[in-house]
N, C-alpha and C. Protein backbone atom coordinates (compact mmCIF):
# COMPACT_ATOMS: atom_id res chain seq x y z
N MET A 1 -11.68 12.41 -14.68
CA MET A 1 -12.72 11.89 -13.63
C MET A 1 -11.41 11.78 -12.47
N THR A 2 -12.23 12.28 -11.62
CA THR A 2 -11.27 12.35 -9.84
C THR A 2 -11.80 10.77 -9.05
N THR A 3 -10.29 10.82 -8.31
CA THR A 3 -10.46 9.57 -7.19
C THR A 3 -10.90 9.98 -6.11
N SER A 4 -11.32 9.51 -5.20
CA SER A 4 -12.19 9.93 -4.11
C SER A 4 -10.80 9.09 -3.24
N PRO A 5 -10.34 9.57 -2.34
CA PRO A 5 -9.48 8.76 -1.25
C PRO A 5 -10.17 7.10 -0.73
N ALA A 6 -9.58 5.90 -0.46
CA ALA A 6 -9.44 4.79 -0.40
C ALA A 6 -10.51 5.27 0.75
N PRO A 7 -11.36 4.06 1.12
CA PRO A 7 -11.76 4.04 2.62
C PRO A 7 -11.57 3.40 3.92
N PHE A 8 -9.75 4.12 4.19
CA PHE A 8 -9.32 2.84 5.15
C PHE A 8 -8.94 4.04 6.12
N VAL A 9 -9.12 4.01 7.47
CA VAL A 9 -9.06 4.18 8.74
C VAL A 9 -8.38 5.95 8.55
N SER A 10 -6.80 5.25 9.02
CA SER A 10 -5.83 6.78 9.28
C SER A 10 -6.00 7.49 7.81
N GLN A 11 -6.09 9.08 8.03
CA GLN A 11 -5.76 9.94 7.49
C GLN A 11 -4.27 10.43 7.55
N GLY A 12 -3.52 10.71 8.57
CA GLY A 12 -2.22 10.98 8.65
C GLY A 12 -1.54 10.20 8.26
N SER A 13 -0.45 11.09 7.68
CA SER A 13 1.18 10.46 7.24
C SER A 13 1.97 9.11 8.14
N PRO A 14 2.14 8.52 7.21
CA PRO A 14 2.23 6.78 7.72
C PRO A 14 3.98 7.55 8.66
N PRO A 15 4.09 6.93 8.93
CA PRO A 15 5.32 6.52 9.97
C PRO A 15 6.19 6.48 9.49
N PRO A 16 7.62 6.74 9.17
CA PRO A 16 8.52 7.30 8.20
C PRO A 16 9.39 5.03 8.08
N ALA A 17 9.41 4.77 9.24
CA ALA A 17 9.63 3.29 8.78
C ALA A 17 8.49 2.57 7.63
N LEU A 18 7.53 3.00 7.81
CA LEU A 18 6.23 2.23 7.20
C LEU A 18 6.50 2.61 5.67
N HIS A 19 6.69 4.09 5.54
CA HIS A 19 6.96 4.80 4.55
C HIS A 19 8.07 4.16 3.37
N ALA A 20 9.12 4.25 4.44
CA ALA A 20 10.54 3.55 3.47
C ALA A 20 10.25 1.80 3.55
N ASN A 21 9.65 1.03 3.60
CA ASN A 21 9.22 -0.12 4.00
C ASN A 21 8.83 -0.67 2.65
N VAL A 22 7.34 0.20 2.40
CA VAL A 22 7.24 0.25 1.25
C VAL A 22 7.46 0.77 0.30
N GLN A 23 8.14 2.14 0.36
CA GLN A 23 8.81 2.16 -0.74
C GLN A 23 9.68 1.78 -1.47
N ASN A 24 11.03 0.80 -0.49
CA ASN A 24 11.65 -0.45 -1.09
C ASN A 24 10.84 -1.56 -1.75
N ILE A 25 9.77 -1.99 -1.64
CA ILE A 25 9.08 -3.08 -1.63
C ILE A 25 8.62 -3.05 -2.81
N ILE A 26 7.70 -1.13 -3.11
CA ILE A 26 7.25 -0.86 -4.48
C ILE A 26 8.35 -0.96 -5.76
N ALA A 27 9.26 -0.68 -5.61
CA ALA A 27 10.94 -0.48 -5.50
C ALA A 27 11.30 -1.41 -6.50
N THR A 28 11.08 -2.50 -5.76
CA THR A 28 11.33 -4.07 -6.21
C THR A 28 10.86 -4.34 -7.29
N VAL A 29 8.69 -4.39 -6.62
CA VAL A 29 8.50 -5.08 -7.46
C VAL A 29 8.50 -4.32 -8.70
N PHE A 30 8.23 -3.12 -8.66
CA PHE A 30 8.30 -2.76 -10.54
C PHE A 30 9.46 -2.37 -10.98
N ASP A 31 10.55 -2.66 -10.46
CA ASP A 31 11.83 -2.44 -10.97
C ASP A 31 11.70 -0.79 -11.25
N ILE A 32 11.57 -0.01 -10.25
CA ILE A 32 12.02 1.33 -10.29
C ILE A 32 12.65 2.10 -9.56
N ALA A 33 13.28 3.17 -9.47
CA ALA A 33 13.78 4.22 -8.46
C ALA A 33 13.46 4.53 -7.48
N PRO A 34 13.50 4.37 -5.77
CA PRO A 34 12.99 4.44 -5.07
C PRO A 34 12.19 6.18 -4.59
N ASP A 35 13.18 7.40 -5.01
CA ASP A 35 12.74 8.16 -5.11
C ASP A 35 11.39 8.54 -5.89
N ARG A 36 10.78 7.40 -6.97
CA ARG A 36 9.51 7.71 -7.74
C ARG A 36 8.34 7.56 -7.00
N VAL A 37 8.42 6.64 -5.48
CA VAL A 37 7.71 5.84 -4.83
C VAL A 37 7.54 7.10 -3.63
N VAL A 38 6.28 7.98 -4.29
CA VAL A 38 5.80 9.13 -3.24
C VAL A 38 4.68 8.55 -2.67
N GLY A 39 4.07 9.48 -1.81
CA GLY A 39 2.61 9.27 -1.46
C GLY A 39 1.48 9.38 -2.38
N HIS A 40 1.68 10.35 -3.45
CA HIS A 40 0.71 11.16 -3.74
C HIS A 40 0.61 9.95 -5.32
N ALA A 41 1.54 9.14 -5.40
CA ALA A 41 1.88 8.45 -6.95
C ALA A 41 0.76 7.38 -6.95
N GLU A 42 0.20 7.45 -8.28
CA GLU A 42 -0.75 6.20 -8.72
C GLU A 42 -0.06 5.19 -8.96
N LEU A 43 0.02 4.12 -8.67
CA LEU A 43 0.32 3.31 -8.43
C LEU A 43 0.83 2.68 -10.47
N VAL A 44 -0.78 2.16 -10.93
CA VAL A 44 -0.61 2.58 -12.02
C VAL A 44 -0.14 3.31 -13.55
N ARG A 45 -0.87 4.76 -13.26
CA ARG A 45 -0.73 5.87 -14.34
C ARG A 45 0.72 6.33 -14.00
N ASP A 46 1.43 7.00 -12.74
CA ASP A 46 2.52 7.37 -12.59
C ASP A 46 3.70 6.21 -11.86
N LEU A 47 3.48 5.32 -11.78
CA LEU A 47 4.59 4.32 -11.62
C LEU A 47 4.51 3.06 -12.56
N GLY A 48 3.66 3.19 -13.16
CA GLY A 48 3.39 1.91 -14.00
C GLY A 48 3.56 0.57 -14.03
N ALA A 49 2.34 0.17 -13.13
CA ALA A 49 2.24 -0.96 -12.94
C ALA A 49 1.41 -1.69 -13.66
N THR A 50 1.64 -3.12 -14.03
CA THR A 50 0.87 -3.63 -14.74
C THR A 50 0.24 -4.50 -14.10
N SER A 51 -0.95 -5.34 -14.21
CA SER A 51 -1.70 -6.23 -12.87
C SER A 51 -0.84 -7.15 -12.24
N LEU A 52 0.05 -8.10 -13.24
CA LEU A 52 1.06 -8.59 -12.54
C LEU A 52 1.79 -7.79 -11.52
N GLU A 53 2.31 -7.03 -11.88
CA GLU A 53 3.17 -5.99 -10.61
C GLU A 53 2.29 -5.75 -9.84
N SER A 54 0.75 -5.41 -9.97
CA SER A 54 0.43 -5.91 -9.00
C SER A 54 -0.44 -6.21 -7.85
N PHE A 55 -0.35 -7.37 -8.65
CA PHE A 55 -0.53 -9.12 -7.74
C PHE A 55 0.34 -9.14 -6.77
N GLU A 56 1.96 -9.12 -7.31
CA GLU A 56 3.20 -9.23 -6.64
C GLU A 56 3.01 -7.96 -5.77
N LEU A 57 2.69 -7.17 -6.08
CA LEU A 57 3.04 -5.96 -4.78
C LEU A 57 1.56 -6.63 -3.60
N VAL A 58 0.85 -7.24 -3.74
CA VAL A 58 0.22 -6.93 -2.42
C VAL A 58 0.43 -8.77 -2.05
N MET A 59 1.04 -9.83 -2.77
CA MET A 59 1.35 -10.85 -2.04
C MET A 59 2.72 -10.08 -1.14
N SER A 60 3.82 -9.28 -1.79
CA SER A 60 4.88 -8.51 -0.72
C SER A 60 4.27 -8.39 0.33
N ILE A 61 3.36 -6.96 0.04
CA ILE A 61 3.10 -6.76 1.06
C ILE A 61 2.52 -7.41 2.35
N GLU A 62 1.99 -8.27 1.51
CA GLU A 62 1.04 -9.25 2.96
C GLU A 62 2.09 -10.03 3.68
N ASP A 63 3.28 -10.26 2.67
CA ASP A 63 4.59 -11.22 3.67
C ASP A 63 4.91 -10.76 4.96
N SER A 64 5.58 -9.06 4.09
CA SER A 64 6.16 -8.43 4.81
C SER A 64 5.46 -7.79 5.76
N PHE A 65 4.35 -7.79 6.28
CA PHE A 65 3.29 -6.76 7.13
C PHE A 65 2.60 -7.82 7.88
N GLY A 66 2.89 -8.98 7.49
CA GLY A 66 2.33 -9.93 8.27
C GLY A 66 0.39 -10.06 7.93
N ILE A 67 -0.35 -9.32 7.14
CA ILE A 67 -1.57 -9.06 6.67
C ILE A 67 -2.21 -9.74 5.74
N ASP A 68 -3.21 -9.33 5.40
CA ASP A 68 -4.10 -10.12 4.73
C ASP A 68 -4.78 -9.14 4.26
N ILE A 69 -4.90 -9.00 2.63
CA ILE A 69 -5.58 -7.77 1.75
C ILE A 69 -7.02 -8.43 0.78
N SER A 70 -7.66 -8.44 0.99
CA SER A 70 -8.94 -8.90 0.03
C SER A 70 -8.54 -8.24 -1.34
N ASP A 71 -9.42 -9.12 -2.48
CA ASP A 71 -9.13 -8.56 -3.79
C ASP A 71 -9.89 -7.17 -3.40
N GLY A 72 -11.08 -7.23 -2.67
CA GLY A 72 -12.01 -5.86 -3.01
C GLY A 72 -11.15 -4.86 -2.08
N GLU A 73 -10.28 -4.90 -1.59
CA GLU A 73 -9.22 -3.84 -0.69
C GLU A 73 -8.26 -3.19 -1.49
N ALA A 74 -7.57 -3.97 -2.03
CA ALA A 74 -6.23 -4.11 -3.54
C ALA A 74 -7.18 -3.05 -4.34
N ALA A 75 -8.32 -3.79 -4.96
CA ALA A 75 -8.62 -2.95 -6.13
C ALA A 75 -8.97 -1.69 -5.61
N LYS A 76 -9.34 -1.13 -4.49
CA LYS A 76 -9.65 0.38 -3.98
C LYS A 76 -8.42 1.07 -3.94
N VAL A 77 -7.18 0.25 -3.89
CA VAL A 77 -5.72 1.33 -3.88
C VAL A 77 -5.62 2.03 -4.99
N VAL A 78 -4.94 3.07 -5.21
CA VAL A 78 -5.02 3.56 -6.22
C VAL A 78 -3.53 4.27 -6.38
N THR A 79 -3.32 5.00 -4.87
CA THR A 79 -1.99 5.53 -4.76
C THR A 79 -1.53 4.85 -3.87
N VAL A 80 0.21 5.64 -3.45
CA VAL A 80 0.35 4.60 -2.76
C VAL A 80 0.67 5.37 -1.19
N GLY A 81 0.13 6.45 -1.17
CA GLY A 81 -0.74 6.39 -0.06
C GLY A 81 -2.13 5.88 0.89
N ASP A 82 -2.37 5.18 -0.52
CA ASP A 82 -3.56 4.56 -0.60
C ASP A 82 -3.28 3.61 0.16
N LEU A 83 -2.40 2.59 0.07
CA LEU A 83 -1.54 1.31 -0.22
C LEU A 83 -1.17 2.22 1.84
N GLU A 84 -0.55 2.70 1.63
CA GLU A 84 0.15 2.89 3.44
C GLU A 84 -0.84 2.77 4.26
N ARG A 85 -2.12 3.58 4.00
CA ARG A 85 -3.60 3.44 4.75
C ARG A 85 -4.13 2.48 4.95
N LEU A 86 -4.02 1.55 4.04
CA LEU A 86 -4.56 0.18 4.28
C LEU A 86 -3.96 -0.76 4.51
N ILE A 87 -2.50 -0.56 4.96
CA ILE A 87 -1.45 -0.89 5.71
C ILE A 87 -1.82 -1.04 7.29
N GLN A 88 -1.77 0.08 7.74
CA GLN A 88 -2.00 0.87 8.35
C GLN A 88 -3.59 0.25 9.35
N SER A 89 -4.23 0.66 8.59
CA SER A 89 -5.43 0.11 8.85
C SER A 89 -5.47 -1.17 9.50
N ARG A 90 -4.64 -2.23 8.83
CA ARG A 90 -4.92 -3.60 9.34
C ARG A 90 -3.91 -3.83 9.66
N GLN A 91 -2.79 -3.10 10.23
CA GLN A 91 -2.34 -3.46 11.62
C GLN A 91 -2.97 -3.36 12.27
N ALA A 92 -3.84 -1.92 12.71
CA ALA A 92 -4.90 -1.55 13.90
C ALA A 92 -5.60 -2.24 14.15
N ARG A 93 -6.36 -2.83 12.83
CA ARG A 93 -7.43 -4.12 13.21
C ARG A 93 -6.49 -5.24 13.83
N THR A 94 -5.38 -6.00 13.18
CA THR A 94 -4.55 -7.07 14.08
C THR A 94 -4.13 -7.01 15.14
N ALA A 95 -4.04 -5.59 15.90
CA ALA A 95 -3.58 -5.36 17.46
C ALA A 95 -4.86 -5.79 17.74
N SER A 96 -5.73 -4.99 17.43
CA SER A 96 -6.97 -4.62 18.15
C SER A 96 -7.77 -6.33 18.71
N ALA A 97 -7.43 -7.17 17.36
CA ALA A 97 -7.55 -8.35 17.44
C ALA A 97 -7.16 -9.02 18.49
N LYS A 98 -5.65 -9.19 18.97
CA LYS A 98 -4.96 -9.45 18.99
C LYS A 98 -5.18 -9.26 20.93
N GLY A 99 -5.74 -8.00 21.19
CA GLY A 99 -5.89 -7.74 22.65
C GLY A 99 -6.65 -7.84 23.04
N HIS A 100 -7.54 -8.66 22.70
CA HIS A 100 -9.18 -8.81 22.71
C HIS A 100 -8.98 -10.27 23.20
């Protein structure tokens, strides 16, 4: 089974600061070494996330970045890169909403 990328706006590489922050959050929540947290790593298959850890991750990401992630959006996140693109998309929407 192949997985298609999550339908989030940005397809480029995340800013280094964003990746470092996400890397640290995932490493802390999943209790793993930060160097395992790379863009193509699947949260469940490669990093061993349990459903509880996935829930904790979403909560930590929401708190750290000041964004809201719906259950539907969270369900579409398979890889670290998907999560980073979701964060970028959410931040862009928030910035756009504040500008209007």
